[in-house]
Amino acid sequence: MEIVTDADVEATEAADGVHLTQEAAGDRTSVQGFTFEPGAAVPEHRHEHEQAGVVTAGTLTFRIDGEDRLVSAGDSYVIPGGEPHAAVNRGDVPVEGYDVFSPPRLDPDWLEG
C-alpha cells in the first residue's frame, strides 16, 4: 500500500486561482486534489480519462453540452472520457475536492507549469 500525505504533494496553479495536486496513483486510477478560488475557472478541455469526483467544500459549476450543472459540497459526479467540459467557481468561498481518473492521469498538462 502506498500512502500520500499532504507533505508529499505540492499544489500547482494550473489556471489563475485553480490549484491542483497530484495525489496517490495506482495501475488503474489516480487521484487529484483541487481548489478553485472565488471566480477561478478551468476553460473547456477534454481528456481520454474517465473523471469521477467529489466536492468537499463550496459549489462548482460545470459546463457540459452547453448546460451548467452545479455540484455542491457532498455531491459527486462522473464525466465520461473524451467529454468536453469546463468548470468555474461562481461563489464567494473556495471550492475544494478530489477527482479520480481512470486510466491514471499521471502527466497532466498542468504539471508542466
Protein backbone atom coordinates (compact mmCIF):
# COMPACT_ATOMS: atom_id res chain seq x y z
CA MET A 1 0.00 0.00 0.00
CA GLU A 2 1.21 3.48 -0.86
CA ILE A 3 0.16 6.44 1.28
CA VAL A 4 0.49 10.01 0.03
CA THR A 5 0.36 12.69 2.74
CA ASP A 6 -0.20 16.43 2.42
CA ALA A 7 3.55 16.89 2.98
CA ASP A 8 4.23 14.71 -0.09
CA VAL A 9 2.39 16.91 -2.59
CA GLU A 10 2.79 20.46 -3.80
CA ALA A 11 -0.05 22.41 -5.38
CA THR A 12 0.40 23.74 -8.91
CA GLU A 13 -1.56 26.74 -10.14
CA ALA A 14 -3.00 25.23 -13.33
CA ALA A 15 -5.04 28.36 -14.17
CA ASP A 16 -5.48 31.66 -12.35
CA GLY A 17 -6.82 30.73 -8.92
CA VAL A 18 -7.07 26.99 -9.68
CA HIS A 19 -4.67 24.91 -7.58
CA LEU A 20 -4.25 21.20 -8.32
CA THR A 21 -2.31 18.46 -6.57
CA GLN A 22 -1.25 15.09 -7.93
CA GLU A 23 -2.13 12.64 -5.16
CA ALA A 24 -1.92 8.84 -4.99
CA ALA A 25 -1.77 6.83 -8.21
CA GLY A 26 -2.03 3.14 -8.97
CA ASP A 27 -2.08 0.95 -12.05
CA ARG A 28 -5.73 1.75 -12.90
CA THR A 29 -6.58 5.06 -11.21
CA SER A 30 -5.07 8.30 -9.97
CA VAL A 31 -6.30 10.93 -7.52
CA GLN A 32 -6.02 14.69 -7.98
CA GLY A 33 -6.94 17.34 -5.41
CA PHE A 34 -8.35 20.72 -6.44
CA THR A 35 -9.05 24.17 -5.01
CA PHE A 36 -10.84 26.87 -7.03
CA GLU A 37 -10.63 30.36 -5.56
CA PRO A 38 -13.77 32.53 -5.99
CA GLY A 39 -14.07 33.49 -9.68
CA ALA A 40 -11.47 30.94 -10.82
CA ALA A 41 -12.18 28.82 -13.88
CA VAL A 42 -10.79 25.99 -15.99
CA PRO A 43 -11.59 26.51 -19.68
CA GLU A 44 -13.24 23.83 -21.77
CA HIS A 45 -10.98 20.85 -22.30
CA ARG A 46 -11.18 17.10 -22.76
CA HIS A 47 -9.04 14.09 -21.95
CA GLU A 48 -9.29 10.35 -22.51
CA HIS A 49 -9.67 9.65 -18.80
CA GLU A 50 -13.00 9.00 -17.12
CA GLN A 51 -13.19 11.55 -14.28
CA ALA A 52 -15.15 10.88 -11.10
CA GLY A 53 -15.03 13.42 -8.32
CA VAL A 54 -16.46 14.79 -5.11
CA VAL A 55 -16.74 18.40 -3.95
CA THR A 56 -15.86 18.71 -0.26
CA ALA A 57 -16.41 22.49 0.15
CA GLY A 58 -18.26 25.16 -1.83
CA THR A 59 -20.16 24.82 -5.11
CA LEU A 60 -18.55 24.27 -8.50
CA THR A 61 -20.35 25.00 -11.77
CA PHE A 62 -19.52 22.60 -14.61
CA ARG A 63 -20.41 23.41 -18.22
CA ILE A 64 -21.13 20.28 -20.25
CA ASP A 65 -23.06 20.07 -23.54
CA GLY A 66 -23.90 23.79 -23.25
CA GLU A 67 -25.59 23.25 -19.89
CA ASP A 68 -24.46 24.49 -16.47
CA ARG A 69 -24.51 21.84 -13.73
CA LEU A 70 -23.97 22.76 -10.06
CA VAL A 71 -22.01 20.37 -7.84
CA SER A 72 -22.09 21.30 -4.14
CA ALA A 73 -20.22 20.05 -1.08
CA GLY A 74 -21.06 16.38 -0.57
CA ASP A 75 -22.06 15.85 -4.22
CA SER A 76 -20.15 13.52 -6.52
CA TYR A 77 -20.03 13.34 -10.32
CA VAL A 78 -18.69 11.37 -13.29
CA ILE A 79 -17.51 12.85 -16.59
CA PRO A 80 -17.03 10.28 -19.37
CA GLY A 81 -13.63 10.15 -21.07
CA GLY A 82 -13.46 12.44 -24.12
CA GLU A 83 -16.39 14.63 -22.95
CA PRO A 84 -15.63 18.38 -23.32
CA HIS A 85 -16.12 20.16 -20.00
CA ALA A 86 -15.29 23.40 -18.17
CA ALA A 87 -15.63 24.46 -14.52
CA VAL A 88 -15.93 27.76 -12.64
CA ASN A 89 -16.36 28.85 -9.03
CA ARG A 90 -19.12 31.46 -9.11
CA GLY A 91 -19.35 31.58 -5.32
CA ASP A 92 -17.71 33.69 -2.63
CA VAL A 93 -15.75 30.88 -0.95
CA PRO A 94 -13.10 28.47 -2.27
CA VAL A 95 -14.28 25.19 -3.77
CA GLU A 96 -12.31 22.10 -2.74
CA GLY A 97 -12.50 18.47 -3.73
CA TYR A 98 -10.91 15.43 -5.33
CA ASP A 99 -11.02 13.79 -8.75
CA VAL A 100 -10.26 10.17 -9.58
CA PHE A 101 -9.09 9.40 -13.11
CA SER A 102 -9.15 6.10 -14.95
CA PRO A 103 -6.85 5.23 -16.57
CA PRO A 104 -4.39 7.06 -14.30
CA ARG A 105 -3.66 10.64 -15.33
CA LEU A 106 0.00 10.71 -14.38
CA ASP A 107 1.25 13.51 -16.64
CA PRO A 108 -1.48 16.15 -16.98
CA ASP A 109 -0.64 19.31 -18.92
CA TRP A 110 -0.89 21.44 -15.79
CA LEU A 111 2.12 19.67 -14.22
CA GLU A 112 4.31 21.30 -16.86
CA GLY A 113 3.63 24.64 -15.15
